[in-house]
């Protein structure tokens, strides 16, 4: 079993099949056998040295491992051959950006809501399995008076513990999610819902 990094063209491995015969009978040639997995599209082999190269980019998100057969054949008459099974395990790398579940979020907040009140939860995903737990959320702009706070690990947006009375009727926040390499953005529109409760008074006509 051999490991290979995705999105890198390089020498993967070398196979070697010694032959005890002499002269031309000991000359061995190598080939990758065609299979239903199209292994010959991903790998090529130096027929005389048994060096296996990747012939195209490997993508962990498409296929995590490749299995194929290499055949070694001598030059005798009749020719003799032997097969070996090769497994190449693809190592995941960060090559995909995270994406928000939607480009624009809308949230309604009561002007009576207390500090720390839940506003909304932003959700993002990343095609790279290794980055699924590394996503970090933040507010880029629109929060000049620190009215809101973002939980970086969960994407939960809350009213800040430091917020003051007198909120605006409308806030437009630009938020981001990052996997440490790639960043994506979205927008949160927070609308103030003015709710007042009190006794009903009648006016005499």
C-alpha atoms as a PDB file:
ATOM      1  CA  UNK A   1       0.000   0.000   0.000  1.00  0.00           C
ATOM      2  CA  UNK A   2       1.324   3.412  -0.977  1.00  0.00           C
ATOM      3  CA  UNK A   3       0.192   6.942  -0.132  1.00  0.00           C
ATOM      4  CA  UNK A   4      -0.177   9.732  -2.681  1.00  0.00           C
ATOM      5  CA  UNK A   5      -1.179  13.367  -2.258  1.00  0.00           C
ATOM      6  CA  UNK A   6      -4.069  14.608  -4.339  1.00  0.00           C
ATOM      7  CA  UNK A   7      -3.586  17.304  -7.008  1.00  0.00           C
ATOM      8  CA  UNK A   8       0.128  16.530  -7.383  1.00  0.00           C
ATOM      9  CA  UNK A   9       1.784  14.901 -10.382  1.00  0.00           C
ATOM     10  CA  UNK A  10       4.694  12.800  -9.160  1.00  0.00           C
ATOM     11  CA  UNK A  11       6.361   9.414  -9.010  1.00  0.00           C
ATOM     12  CA  UNK A  12       4.080   7.176  -6.972  1.00  0.00           C
ATOM     13  CA  UNK A  13       6.097   3.977  -6.503  1.00  0.00           C
ATOM     14  CA  UNK A  14       8.333   1.361  -8.087  1.00  0.00           C
ATOM     15  CA  UNK A  15       7.658  -2.330  -8.598  1.00  0.00           C
ATOM     16  CA  UNK A  16      10.450  -4.828  -9.189  1.00  0.00           C
ATOM     17  CA  UNK A  17      10.292  -8.451 -10.320  1.00  0.00           C
ATOM     18  CA  UNK A  18      13.765 -10.090 -10.545  1.00  0.00           C
ATOM     19  CA  UNK A  19      14.200 -12.979 -12.976  1.00  0.00           C
ATOM     20  CA  UNK A  20      16.654 -15.804 -12.265  1.00  0.00           C
ATOM     21  CA  UNK A  21      17.214 -16.545 -15.950  1.00  0.00           C
ATOM     22  CA  UNK A  22      20.167 -15.185 -17.897  1.00  0.00           C
ATOM     23  CA  UNK A  23      20.671 -12.935 -20.897  1.00  0.00           C
ATOM     24  CA  UNK A  24      17.542 -11.885 -22.777  1.00  0.00           C
ATOM     25  CA  UNK A  25      15.337 -14.294 -20.833  1.00  0.00           C
ATOM     26  CA  UNK A  26      15.979 -12.154 -17.743  1.00  0.00           C
ATOM     27  CA  UNK A  27      14.773  -8.950 -19.386  1.00  0.00           C
ATOM     28  CA  UNK A  28      11.502  -7.996 -17.672  1.00  0.00           C
ATOM     29  CA  UNK A  29       8.894  -5.548 -18.923  1.00  0.00           C
ATOM     30  CA  UNK A  30       6.070  -4.075 -16.846  1.00  0.00           C
ATOM     31  CA  UNK A  31       2.532  -3.002 -17.676  1.00  0.00           C
ATOM     32  CA  UNK A  32      -0.567  -1.838 -15.832  1.00  0.00           C
ATOM     33  CA  UNK A  33      -3.530  -3.963 -16.758  1.00  0.00           C
ATOM     34  CA  UNK A  34      -6.699  -2.259 -17.920  1.00  0.00           C
ATOM     35  CA  UNK A  35      -9.625  -2.574 -15.509  1.00  0.00           C
ATOM     36  CA  UNK A  36     -13.120  -1.246 -14.876  1.00  0.00           C
ATOM     37  CA  UNK A  37     -11.690   1.545 -12.695  1.00  0.00           C
ATOM     38  CA  UNK A  38      -9.786   3.115 -15.609  1.00  0.00           C
ATOM     39  CA  UNK A  39      -6.536   2.827 -13.669  1.00  0.00           C
ATOM     40  CA  UNK A  40      -4.505   3.359 -16.840  1.00  0.00           C
ATOM     41  CA  UNK A  41      -6.053   6.845 -17.055  1.00  0.00           C
ATOM     42  CA  UNK A  42      -4.592   7.752 -13.660  1.00  0.00           C
ATOM     43  CA  UNK A  43      -1.271   5.903 -13.689  1.00  0.00           C
ATOM     44  CA  UNK A  44       1.439   5.031 -16.192  1.00  0.00           C
ATOM     45  CA  UNK A  45       4.451   2.797 -15.795  1.00  0.00           C
ATOM     46  CA  UNK A  46       7.968   2.828 -17.176  1.00  0.00           C
ATOM     47  CA  UNK A  47       7.926  -0.557 -18.892  1.00  0.00           C
ATOM     48  CA  UNK A  48      11.621  -1.266 -18.320  1.00  0.00           C
ATOM     49  CA  UNK A  49      12.169   0.093 -14.804  1.00  0.00           C
ATOM     50  CA  UNK A  50       8.791  -0.501 -13.164  1.00  0.00           C
ATOM     51  CA  UNK A  51       8.434   3.139 -12.088  1.00  0.00           C
ATOM     52  CA  UNK A  52       4.775   4.085 -11.647  1.00  0.00           C
ATOM     53  CA  UNK A  53       3.804   7.717 -12.232  1.00  0.00           C
ATOM     54  CA  UNK A  54       0.503   9.524 -11.830  1.00  0.00           C
ATOM     55  CA  UNK A  55      -0.686  10.599 -15.261  1.00  0.00           C
ATOM     56  CA  UNK A  56      -3.408  12.949 -14.009  1.00  0.00           C
ATOM     57  CA  UNK A  57      -4.427  14.745 -10.843  1.00  0.00           C
ATOM     58  CA  UNK A  58      -5.787  12.523  -8.085  1.00  0.00           C
ATOM     59  CA  UNK A  59      -8.847  13.863  -6.279  1.00  0.00           C
ATOM     60  CA  UNK A  60      -9.646  12.574  -2.794  1.00  0.00           C
ATOM     61  CA  UNK A  61     -13.253  13.764  -3.063  1.00  0.00           C
ATOM     62  CA  UNK A  62     -13.758  11.552  -6.152  1.00  0.00           C
ATOM     63  CA  UNK A  63     -11.778   8.469  -5.147  1.00  0.00           C
ATOM     64  CA  UNK A  64      -9.921   7.812  -1.884  1.00  0.00           C
ATOM     65  CA  UNK A  65      -7.916   4.823  -3.117  1.00  0.00           C
ATOM     66  CA  UNK A  66      -6.890   3.216  -6.395  1.00  0.00           C
ATOM     67  CA  UNK A  67      -6.362  -0.512  -6.865  1.00  0.00           C
ATOM     68  CA  UNK A  68      -4.744  -1.927  -9.982  1.00  0.00           C
ATOM     69  CA  UNK A  69      -2.687  -4.835 -11.231  1.00  0.00           C
ATOM     70  CA  UNK A  70       0.878  -4.594 -12.534  1.00  0.00           C
ATOM     71  CA  UNK A  71       2.092  -7.458 -14.701  1.00  0.00           C
ATOM     72  CA  UNK A  72       5.775  -8.300 -15.106  1.00  0.00           C
ATOM     73  CA  UNK A  73       6.666 -10.381 -18.188  1.00  0.00           C
ATOM     74  CA  UNK A  74      10.050 -11.820 -19.111  1.00  0.00           C
ATOM     75  CA  UNK A  75      11.437 -12.091 -22.632  1.00  0.00           C
ATOM     76  CA  UNK A  76      11.717 -15.866 -22.768  1.00  0.00           C
ATOM     77  CA  UNK A  77      10.016 -18.173 -25.223  1.00  0.00           C
ATOM     78  CA  UNK A  78       7.449 -18.905 -24.055  1.00  0.00           C
ATOM     79  CA  UNK A  79       7.166 -15.685 -22.064  1.00  0.00           C
ATOM     80  CA  UNK A  80       6.373 -16.040 -18.374  1.00  0.00           C
ATOM     81  CA  UNK A  81       4.612 -13.430 -16.273  1.00  0.00           C
ATOM     82  CA  UNK A  82       3.564 -12.632 -12.746  1.00  0.00           C
ATOM     83  CA  UNK A  83       1.053 -10.142 -11.357  1.00  0.00           C
ATOM     84  CA  UNK A  84       1.066  -7.929  -8.282  1.00  0.00           C
ATOM     85  CA  UNK A  85      -1.810  -5.961  -6.778  1.00  0.00           C
ATOM     86  CA  UNK A  86      -1.048  -2.313  -6.025  1.00  0.00           C
ATOM     87  CA  UNK A  87      -3.093  -0.041  -3.761  1.00  0.00           C
ATOM     88  CA  UNK A  88      -2.539   3.721  -3.796  1.00  0.00           C
ATOM     89  CA  UNK A  89      -4.226   5.633  -0.948  1.00  0.00           C
ATOM     90  CA  UNK A  90      -4.977   9.272  -1.755  1.00  0.00           C
ATOM     91  CA  UNK A  91      -4.288  11.740   1.058  1.00  0.00           C
ATOM     92  CA  UNK A  92      -6.789  14.577   1.420  1.00  0.00           C
ATOM     93  CA  UNK A  93      -5.531  18.143   1.108  1.00  0.00           C
ATOM     94  CA  UNK A  94      -7.296  21.475   1.432  1.00  0.00           C
ATOM     95  CA  UNK A  95      -8.294  22.251  -2.162  1.00  0.00           C
ATOM     96  CA  UNK A  96     -11.945  23.256  -1.764  1.00  0.00           C
ATOM     97  CA  UNK A  97     -13.370  26.453  -0.258  1.00  0.00           C
ATOM     98  CA  UNK A  98     -16.149  26.369   2.346  1.00  0.00           C
ATOM     99  CA  UNK A  99     -19.608  27.438   1.192  1.00  0.00           C
ATOM    100  CA  UNK A 100     -22.501  28.967   3.087  1.00  0.00           C
ATOM    101  CA  UNK A 101     -25.842  27.194   2.803  1.00  0.00           C
ATOM    102  CA  UNK A 102     -27.288  30.447   1.465  1.00  0.00           C
ATOM    103  CA  UNK A 103     -25.955  33.767   0.229  1.00  0.00           C
ATOM    104  CA  UNK A 104     -28.315  35.962   2.261  1.00  0.00           C
ATOM    105  CA  UNK A 105     -29.761  35.298   5.726  1.00  0.00           C
ATOM    106  CA  UNK A 106     -32.660  37.256   7.193  1.00  0.00           C
ATOM    107  CA  UNK A 107     -33.335  37.506  10.905  1.00  0.00           C
ATOM    108  CA  UNK A 108     -35.946  39.370  12.934  1.00  0.00           C
ATOM    109  CA  UNK A 109     -34.964  40.664  16.360  1.00  0.00           C
ATOM    110  CA  UNK A 110     -37.322  42.120  18.940  1.00  0.00           C
ATOM    111  CA  UNK A 111     -36.252  45.423  20.421  1.00  0.00           C
ATOM    112  CA  UNK A 112     -37.111  43.831  23.777  1.00  0.00           C
ATOM    113  CA  UNK A 113     -34.641  40.985  23.281  1.00  0.00           C
ATOM    114  CA  UNK A 114     -32.079  40.714  26.103  1.00  0.00           C
ATOM    115  CA  UNK A 115     -28.328  40.780  25.739  1.00  0.00           C
ATOM    116  CA  UNK A 116     -26.912  37.565  24.360  1.00  0.00           C
ATOM    117  CA  UNK A 117     -30.196  36.761  22.612  1.00  0.00           C
ATOM    118  CA  UNK A 118     -30.005  34.248  19.734  1.00  0.00           C
ATOM    119  CA  UNK A 119     -30.407  35.923  16.335  1.00  0.00           C
ATOM    120  CA  UNK A 120     -29.668  33.208  13.754  1.00  0.00           C
ATOM    121  CA  UNK A 121     -27.250  30.393  12.963  1.00  0.00           C
ATOM    122  CA  UNK A 122     -25.062  30.452   9.871  1.00  0.00           C
ATOM    123  CA  UNK A 123     -24.283  27.125   8.268  1.00  0.00           C
ATOM    124  CA  UNK A 124     -21.430  26.293   5.922  1.00  0.00           C
ATOM    125  CA  UNK A 125     -19.961  23.106   4.508  1.00  0.00           C
ATOM    126  CA  UNK A 126     -16.613  22.106   3.063  1.00  0.00           C
ATOM    127  CA  UNK A 127     -16.038  19.335   0.526  1.00  0.00           C
ATOM    128  CA  UNK A 128     -12.693  18.576   2.189  1.00  0.00           C
ATOM    129  CA  UNK A 129     -13.401  16.089   4.952  1.00  0.00           C
ATOM    130  CA  UNK A 130     -10.295  17.166   6.849  1.00  0.00           C
ATOM    131  CA  UNK A 131     -11.671  20.727   7.107  1.00  0.00           C
ATOM    132  CA  UNK A 132     -15.180  19.903   8.299  1.00  0.00           C
ATOM    133  CA  UNK A 133     -14.298  20.680  11.936  1.00  0.00           C
ATOM    134  CA  UNK A 134     -11.977  23.599  11.178  1.00  0.00           C
ATOM    135  CA  UNK A 135     -14.484  26.129   9.876  1.00  0.00           C
ATOM    136  CA  UNK A 136     -14.402  29.509  11.627  1.00  0.00           C
ATOM    137  CA  UNK A 137     -17.061  32.192  11.346  1.00  0.00           C
ATOM    138  CA  UNK A 138     -16.648  35.937  11.818  1.00  0.00           C
ATOM    139  CA  UNK A 139     -18.318  39.297  11.183  1.00  0.00           C
ATOM    140  CA  UNK A 140     -16.448  41.349   8.582  1.00  0.00           C
ATOM    141  CA  UNK A 141     -18.424  44.596   8.599  1.00  0.00           C
ATOM    142  CA  UNK A 142     -21.715  46.215   9.560  1.00  0.00           C
ATOM    143  CA  UNK A 143     -21.161  45.732  13.284  1.00  0.00           C
ATOM    144  CA  UNK A 144     -19.361  48.969  14.071  1.00  0.00           C
ATOM    145  CA  UNK A 145     -21.077  49.463  17.422  1.00  0.00           C
ATOM    146  CA  UNK A 146     -20.576  45.809  18.394  1.00  0.00           C
ATOM    147  CA  UNK A 147     -24.324  45.187  18.529  1.00  0.00           C
ATOM    148  CA  UNK A 148     -23.803  41.555  17.509  1.00  0.00           C
ATOM    149  CA  UNK A 149     -21.325  38.823  18.342  1.00  0.00           C
ATOM    150  CA  UNK A 150     -20.472  35.681  16.403  1.00  0.00           C
ATOM    151  CA  UNK A 151     -19.549  32.339  17.913  1.00  0.00           C
ATOM    152  CA  UNK A 152     -16.567  31.400  15.711  1.00  0.00           C
ATOM    153  CA  UNK A 153     -16.925  27.632  16.101  1.00  0.00           C
ATOM    154  CA  UNK A 154     -20.688  27.279  15.608  1.00  0.00           C
ATOM    155  CA  UNK A 155     -21.738  30.195  13.400  1.00  0.00           C
ATOM    156  CA  UNK A 156     -24.357  31.270  15.960  1.00  0.00           C
ATOM    157  CA  UNK A 157     -25.082  35.006  15.798  1.00  0.00           C
ATOM    158  CA  UNK A 158     -26.237  36.663  19.012  1.00  0.00           C
ATOM    159  CA  UNK A 159     -26.892  40.101  20.386  1.00  0.00           C
ATOM    160  CA  UNK A 160     -23.776  41.309  22.087  1.00  0.00           C
ATOM    161  CA  UNK A 161     -23.504  41.396  25.854  1.00  0.00           C
ATOM    162  CA  UNK A 162     -22.208  44.947  25.401  1.00  0.00           C
ATOM    163  CA  UNK A 163     -25.012  46.239  23.235  1.00  0.00           C
ATOM    164  CA  UNK A 164     -26.787  49.407  24.256  1.00  0.00           C
ATOM    165  CA  UNK A 165     -30.380  50.472  23.917  1.00  0.00           C
ATOM    166  CA  UNK A 166     -31.458  52.204  20.768  1.00  0.00           C
ATOM    167  CA  UNK A 167     -30.893  49.612  18.071  1.00  0.00           C
ATOM    168  CA  UNK A 168     -31.324  50.583  14.450  1.00  0.00           C
ATOM    169  CA  UNK A 169     -34.293  49.265  12.518  1.00  0.00           C
ATOM    170  CA  UNK A 170     -32.057  47.475  10.011  1.00  0.00           C
ATOM    171  CA  UNK A 171     -28.564  45.990  10.074  1.00  0.00           C
ATOM    172  CA  UNK A 172     -26.662  44.553   7.155  1.00  0.00           C
ATOM    173  CA  UNK A 173     -23.811  42.358   8.309  1.00  0.00           C
ATOM    174  CA  UNK A 174     -21.147  40.928   6.038  1.00  0.00           C
ATOM    175  CA  UNK A 175     -19.943  37.633   7.485  1.00  0.00           C
ATOM    176  CA  UNK A 176     -17.293  35.114   6.502  1.00  0.00           C
ATOM    177  CA  UNK A 177     -16.361  31.472   6.951  1.00  0.00           C
ATOM    178  CA  UNK A 178     -12.799  30.214   6.608  1.00  0.00           C
ATOM    179  CA  UNK A 179     -11.137  26.798   6.611  1.00  0.00           C
ATOM    180  CA  UNK A 180      -7.743  28.339   7.289  1.00  0.00           C
ATOM    181  CA  UNK A 181      -6.858  28.703   3.611  1.00  0.00           C
ATOM    182  CA  UNK A 182     -10.019  29.583   1.710  1.00  0.00           C
ATOM    183  CA  UNK A 183     -12.678  32.100   2.733  1.00  0.00           C
ATOM    184  CA  UNK A 184     -16.242  32.645   1.609  1.00  0.00           C
ATOM    185  CA  UNK A 185     -18.729  35.364   2.502  1.00  0.00           C
ATOM    186  CA  UNK A 186     -22.470  35.858   3.002  1.00  0.00           C
ATOM    187  CA  UNK A 187     -24.820  38.597   4.139  1.00  0.00           C
ATOM    188  CA  UNK A 188     -27.091  38.793   7.169  1.00  0.00           C
ATOM    189  CA  UNK A 189     -30.004  41.233   7.160  1.00  0.00           C
ATOM    190  CA  UNK A 190     -31.220  41.795  10.695  1.00  0.00           C
ATOM    191  CA  UNK A 191     -34.562  43.575  10.977  1.00  0.00           C
ATOM    192  CA  UNK A 192     -35.700  45.090  14.268  1.00  0.00           C
ATOM    193  CA  UNK A 193     -39.191  44.003  15.251  1.00  0.00           C
ATOM    194  CA  UNK A 194     -40.771  46.604  17.498  1.00  0.00           C
ATOM    195  CA  UNK A 195     -43.129  44.807  19.840  1.00  0.00           C
ATOM    196  CA  UNK A 196     -44.939  46.707  22.570  1.00  0.00           C
ATOM    197  CA  UNK A 197     -47.375  45.261  25.028  1.00  0.00           C
ATOM    198  CA  UNK A 198     -49.570  47.292  27.369  1.00  0.00           C
ATOM    199  CA  UNK A 199     -53.136  48.118  28.325  1.00  0.00           C
ATOM    200  CA  UNK A 200     -55.594  49.109  25.641  1.00  0.00           C
ATOM    201  CA  UNK A 201     -57.160  52.540  26.095  1.00  0.00           C
ATOM    202  CA  UNK A 202     -60.338  53.799  24.566  1.00  0.00           C
ATOM    203  CA  UNK A 203     -60.944  57.325  23.393  1.00  0.00           C
ATOM    204  CA  UNK A 204     -64.330  58.952  23.881  1.00  0.00           C
ATOM    205  CA  UNK A 205     -65.970  60.258  20.730  1.00  0.00           C
END
